[in-house]
Every structure is written in structure tokens, then in C-alpha cells.
C-alpha atoms as a PDB file:
ATOM      1  CA  MET A   1     -26.880 154.961  55.580  1.00  0.00           C
ATOM      2  CA  GLU A   2     -26.308 151.279  56.239  1.00  0.00           C
ATOM      3  CA  ASN A   3     -29.763 149.863  55.588  1.00  0.00           C
ATOM      4  CA  GLY A   4     -30.623 150.727  52.040  1.00  0.00           C
ATOM      5  CA  ASP A   5     -33.936 148.770  52.043  1.00  0.00           C
ATOM      6  CA  ASN A   6     -35.098 150.666  55.177  1.00  0.00           C
ATOM      7  CA  LEU A   7     -34.057 154.018  53.620  1.00  0.00           C
ATOM      8  CA  ARG A   8     -35.948 153.252  50.375  1.00  0.00           C
ATOM      9  CA  GLN A   9     -39.125 152.125  52.241  1.00  0.00           C
ATOM     10  CA  ARG A  10     -39.139 155.050  54.611  1.00  0.00           C
ATOM     11  CA  GLY A  11     -38.327 157.534  51.894  1.00  0.00           C
ATOM     12  CA  LYS A  12     -41.204 156.232  49.764  1.00  0.00           C
ATOM     13  CA  GLN A  13     -43.553 156.429  52.659  1.00  0.00           C
ATOM     14  CA  ALA A  14     -42.576 160.082  53.390  1.00  0.00           C
ATOM     15  CA  ARG A  15     -42.954 161.178  49.774  1.00  0.00           C
ATOM     16  CA  LEU A  16     -46.365 159.414  49.420  1.00  0.00           C
ATOM     17  CA  LEU A  17     -47.573 161.068  52.565  1.00  0.00           C
ATOM     18  CA  ILE A  18     -46.689 164.469  51.197  1.00  0.00           C
ATOM     19  CA  LEU A  19     -48.088 163.750  47.795  1.00  0.00           C
ATOM     20  CA  LYS A  20     -51.472 162.513  49.224  1.00  0.00           C
ATOM     21  CA  THR A  21     -51.866 165.438  51.631  1.00  0.00           C
ATOM     22  CA  PRO A  22     -53.776 168.322  50.150  1.00  0.00           C
ATOM     23  CA  PHE A  23     -52.397 171.787  50.502  1.00  0.00           C
ATOM     24  CA  PRO A  24     -54.014 174.032  53.179  1.00  0.00           C
ATOM     25  CA  PRO A  25     -56.775 175.958  51.377  1.00  0.00           C
ATOM     26  CA  ALA A  26     -55.079 179.345  51.933  1.00  0.00           C
ATOM     27  CA  LEU A  27     -51.845 178.049  50.367  1.00  0.00           C
ATOM     28  CA  GLU A  28     -53.597 176.527  47.352  1.00  0.00           C
ATOM     29  CA  GLU A  29     -55.460 179.813  46.957  1.00  0.00           C
ATOM     30  CA  ALA A  30     -52.223 181.848  47.099  1.00  0.00           C
ATOM     31  CA  ILE A  31     -50.560 179.629  44.471  1.00  0.00           C
ATOM     32  CA  ALA A  32     -53.753 179.842  42.249  1.00  0.00           C
ATOM     33  CA  THR A  33     -53.897 183.624  42.570  1.00  0.00           C
ATOM     34  CA  ALA A  34     -50.237 184.062  41.680  1.00  0.00           C
ATOM     35  CA  TYR A  35     -50.482 181.733  38.739  1.00  0.00           C
ATOM     36  CA  GLN A  36     -53.589 183.611  37.457  1.00  0.00           C
ATOM     37  CA  GLU A  37     -51.592 186.855  37.556  1.00  0.00           C
ATOM     38  CA  LEU A  38     -48.790 185.207  35.486  1.00  0.00           C
ATOM     39  CA  CYS A  39     -51.466 184.016  33.049  1.00  0.00           C
ATOM     40  CA  GLN A  40     -52.980 187.552  32.743  1.00  0.00           C
ATOM     41  CA  GLU A  41     -49.506 188.896  31.784  1.00  0.00           C
ATOM     42  CA  TYR A  42     -48.326 186.024  29.602  1.00  0.00           C
ATOM     43  CA  GLY A  43     -51.469 184.231  28.339  1.00  0.00           C
ATOM     44  CA  ALA A  44     -53.804 181.377  29.495  1.00  0.00           C
ATOM     45  CA  ASP A  45     -51.972 178.312  30.929  1.00  0.00           C
ATOM     46  CA  THR A  46     -48.626 179.871  30.626  1.00  0.00           C
ATOM     47  CA  ASP A  47     -45.643 177.578  30.949  1.00  0.00           C
ATOM     48  CA  VAL A  48     -43.676 177.893  34.185  1.00  0.00           C
ATOM     49  CA  ALA A  49     -40.588 176.462  35.890  1.00  0.00           C
ATOM     50  CA  VAL A  50     -41.257 175.108  39.392  1.00  0.00           C
ATOM     51  CA  ARG A  51     -38.002 175.290  41.275  1.00  0.00           C
ATOM     52  CA  SER A  52     -36.996 174.041  44.757  1.00  0.00           C
ATOM     53  CA  SER A  53     -34.639 175.822  47.013  1.00  0.00           C
ATOM     54  CA  ALA A  54     -33.796 174.325  50.468  1.00  0.00           C
ATOM     55  CA  THR A  55     -32.515 176.419  53.298  1.00  0.00           C
ATOM     56  CA  ALA A  56     -29.360 174.298  53.693  1.00  0.00           C
ATOM     57  CA  GLU A  57     -28.427 174.182  49.977  1.00  0.00           C
ATOM     58  CA  ASP A  58     -25.314 176.306  49.943  1.00  0.00           C
ATOM     59  CA  LEU A  59     -23.670 176.138  53.322  1.00  0.00           C
ATOM     60  CA  PRO A  60     -19.917 176.657  53.748  1.00  0.00           C
ATOM     61  CA  ASP A  61     -19.559 173.062  54.943  1.00  0.00           C
ATOM     62  CA  ALA A  62     -22.295 171.274  53.080  1.00  0.00           C
ATOM     63  CA  SER A  63     -24.072 171.515  49.767  1.00  0.00           C
ATOM     64  CA  PHE A  64     -27.544 170.230  49.139  1.00  0.00           C
ATOM     65  CA  ALA A  65     -27.641 171.799  45.673  1.00  0.00           C
ATOM     66  CA  GLY A  66     -29.519 169.818  43.169  1.00  0.00           C
ATOM     67  CA  GLN A  67     -31.086 167.373  45.656  1.00  0.00           C
ATOM     68  CA  GLN A  68     -34.500 168.751  45.449  1.00  0.00           C
ATOM     69  CA  GLU A  69     -36.568 168.544  42.246  1.00  0.00           C
ATOM     70  CA  THR A  70     -37.252 171.191  39.539  1.00  0.00           C
ATOM     71  CA  TYR A  71     -40.046 170.829  37.030  1.00  0.00           C
ATOM     72  CA  LEU A  72     -39.961 172.645  33.630  1.00  0.00           C
ATOM     73  CA  ASN A  73     -42.737 173.502  31.149  1.00  0.00           C
ATOM     74  CA  VAL A  74     -45.441 173.090  33.809  1.00  0.00           C
ATOM     75  CA  ASN A  75     -48.727 174.064  32.230  1.00  0.00           C
ATOM     76  CA  GLY A  76     -51.949 174.868  34.050  1.00  0.00           C
ATOM     77  CA  LEU A  77     -52.987 175.072  37.688  1.00  0.00           C
ATOM     78  CA  LYS A  78     -53.569 171.366  38.255  1.00  0.00           C
ATOM     79  CA  ALA A  79     -50.072 170.543  36.926  1.00  0.00           C
ATOM     80  CA  LEU A  80     -48.615 173.527  38.972  1.00  0.00           C
ATOM     81  CA  LEU A  81     -50.073 172.216  42.170  1.00  0.00           C
ATOM     82  CA  GLU A  82     -48.799 168.718  41.447  1.00  0.00           C
ATOM     83  CA  ALA A  83     -45.390 170.000  40.713  1.00  0.00           C
ATOM     84  CA  CYS A  84     -45.348 171.988  43.932  1.00  0.00           C
ATOM     85  CA  ALA A  85     -46.202 168.832  45.901  1.00  0.00           C
ATOM     86  CA  LYS A  86     -43.559 166.853  44.097  1.00  0.00           C
ATOM     87  CA  CYS A  87     -40.975 169.547  45.013  1.00  0.00           C
ATOM     88  CA  LEU A  88     -41.984 169.337  48.694  1.00  0.00           C
ATOM     89  CA  ALA A  89     -41.809 165.474  48.495  1.00  0.00           C
ATOM     90  CA  SER A  90     -38.329 165.746  47.017  1.00  0.00           C
ATOM     91  CA  LEU A  91     -37.052 166.718  50.507  1.00  0.00           C
ATOM     92  CA  PHE A  92     -37.354 163.019  51.225  1.00  0.00           C
ATOM     93  CA  THR A  93     -35.661 161.415  48.158  1.00  0.00           C
ATOM     94  CA  ASN A  94     -33.401 158.536  49.223  1.00  0.00           C
ATOM     95  CA  ARG A  95     -30.427 160.665  48.209  1.00  0.00           C
ATOM     96  CA  ALA A  96     -31.530 163.710  50.359  1.00  0.00           C
ATOM     97  CA  ILE A  97     -32.341 161.494  53.366  1.00  0.00           C
ATOM     98  CA  SER A  98     -28.938 159.783  53.115  1.00  0.00           C
ATOM     99  CA  TYR A  99     -27.055 163.067  52.680  1.00  0.00           C
ATOM    100  CA  ARG A 100     -28.660 164.577  55.770  1.00  0.00           C
ATOM    101  CA  GLN A 101     -28.040 161.458  57.812  1.00  0.00           C
ATOM    102  CA  ASN A 102     -24.434 161.191  56.819  1.00  0.00           C
ATOM    103  CA  ASN A 103     -23.818 164.868  57.494  1.00  0.00           C
ATOM    104  CA  GLY A 104     -25.667 165.139  60.834  1.00  0.00           C
ATOM    105  CA  PHE A 105     -28.516 167.299  59.660  1.00  0.00           C
ATOM    106  CA  ASP A 106     -31.950 166.855  61.297  1.00  0.00           C
ATOM    107  CA  HIS A 107     -34.493 165.915  58.660  1.00  0.00           C
ATOM    108  CA  PHE A 108     -37.050 168.369  59.974  1.00  0.00           C
ATOM    109  CA  ASP A 109     -34.692 171.407  60.336  1.00  0.00           C
ATOM    110  CA  VAL A 110     -34.341 171.793  56.486  1.00  0.00           C
ATOM    111  CA  ALA A 111     -37.047 174.037  55.079  1.00  0.00           C
ATOM    112  CA  LEU A 112     -37.911 174.295  51.405  1.00  0.00           C
ATOM    113  CA  SER A 113     -39.276 177.128  49.310  1.00  0.00           C
ATOM    114  CA  ILE A 114     -40.703 176.682  45.937  1.00  0.00           C
ATOM    115  CA  GLY A 115     -40.157 179.428  43.150  1.00  0.00           C
ATOM    116  CA  VAL A 116     -42.462 179.548  40.203  1.00  0.00           C
ATOM    117  CA  GLN A 117     -41.081 181.420  37.137  1.00  0.00           C
ATOM    118  CA  LYS A 118     -42.283 182.063  33.617  1.00  0.00           C
ATOM    119  CA  MET A 119     -40.412 179.692  31.271  1.00  0.00           C
ATOM    120  CA  VAL A 120     -37.868 181.315  29.050  1.00  0.00           C
ATOM    121  CA  ARG A 121     -37.942 180.208  25.399  1.00  0.00           C
ATOM    122  CA  SER A 122     -34.294 179.036  25.146  1.00  0.00           C
ATOM    123  CA  ASP A 123     -34.722 178.729  21.365  1.00  0.00           C
ATOM    124  CA  LEU A 124     -35.380 182.435  21.138  1.00  0.00           C
ATOM    125  CA  ALA A 125     -33.021 183.714  23.779  1.00  0.00           C
ATOM    126  CA  THR A 126     -30.567 182.498  26.479  1.00  0.00           C
ATOM    127  CA  SER A 127     -31.246 181.718  30.094  1.00  0.00           C
ATOM    128  CA  GLY A 128     -29.321 180.547  33.154  1.00  0.00           C
ATOM    129  CA  VAL A 129     -28.856 180.584  36.847  1.00  0.00           C
ATOM    130  CA  MET A 130     -26.090 182.228  38.751  1.00  0.00           C
ATOM    131  CA  PHE A 131     -25.285 181.977  42.484  1.00  0.00           C
ATOM    132  CA  SER A 132     -22.672 183.901  44.467  1.00  0.00           C
ATOM    133  CA  LEU A 133     -21.365 183.727  47.992  1.00  0.00           C
ATOM    134  CA  ALA A 134     -20.101 187.037  49.386  1.00  0.00           C
ATOM    135  CA  LYS A 135     -17.239 186.893  51.820  1.00  0.00           C
ATOM    136  CA  PRO A 136     -17.224 189.358  54.655  1.00  0.00           C
ATOM    137  CA  LEU A 137     -14.352 191.889  54.425  1.00  0.00           C
END
């Protein structure tokens, strides 16, 4: 992207718009209900990881991996909702906008999902993430 100042300004505007817009009530309720279920299993205000996954992350000709945010040790419903909003807003970081622009992806054709997982105590066990790409035979 040639105009860095314009990119930074528009990216910031997009992120602020997302961060200031409340979730639809049904979505907020679904997040709250799922978090309450985790808390019933693991204890009040259980720590979670809030992870982003964009639809275009691992394409054969492009990789968006790592461009959207992940938040660790999120504690409590309010913090969980804030982390989810920040994940959505991370679709419009300067780096993500620039990458889509330079690779010819429409900014509104890339969708994002957010996974919420119980945090793993890495001091008591091990944890990691693995991805694979299956090739057709």
C-alpha cells in the first residue's frame, strides 16, 4: 500500500468502529451462555484463550496466519467480550489490510471465527497447536 498515513488512519477508524459497536444481543447471550458452561466445569471466572481464525488463513497461494489477534489468560465475561471484539477488530490491523490489498483480496470477503478455549497450565503440562493440509490422492 503506497499511502501509509491513509492506511493507518482508515485502519484505526475501522477498528474503533468495531470496538464501539455492541454485539447483537443474541450473540452476546450465546457467548455468555457458553462461558458459563465452561465456568461450571472448571470454576468461576475460568481463564480462557480467545483465538481468531480467518477463512483465508491457510490458502495454497496465500497465508494470513498470525495476522489476527489471540488473547491468553482472559478472565471473566466482560474481559471475554472485550477480547472477542478485539479479535474482530484485528481483521483491520494495518498489516492485515495491507496484505489483503497487496494480494488482491476483497476486505469484506474474509470472514473470521473466534474460538474460546480453556487455558492449559503450561507449567503443569504441555500444549500446542498443529495444522495440516491434506493433499488429494
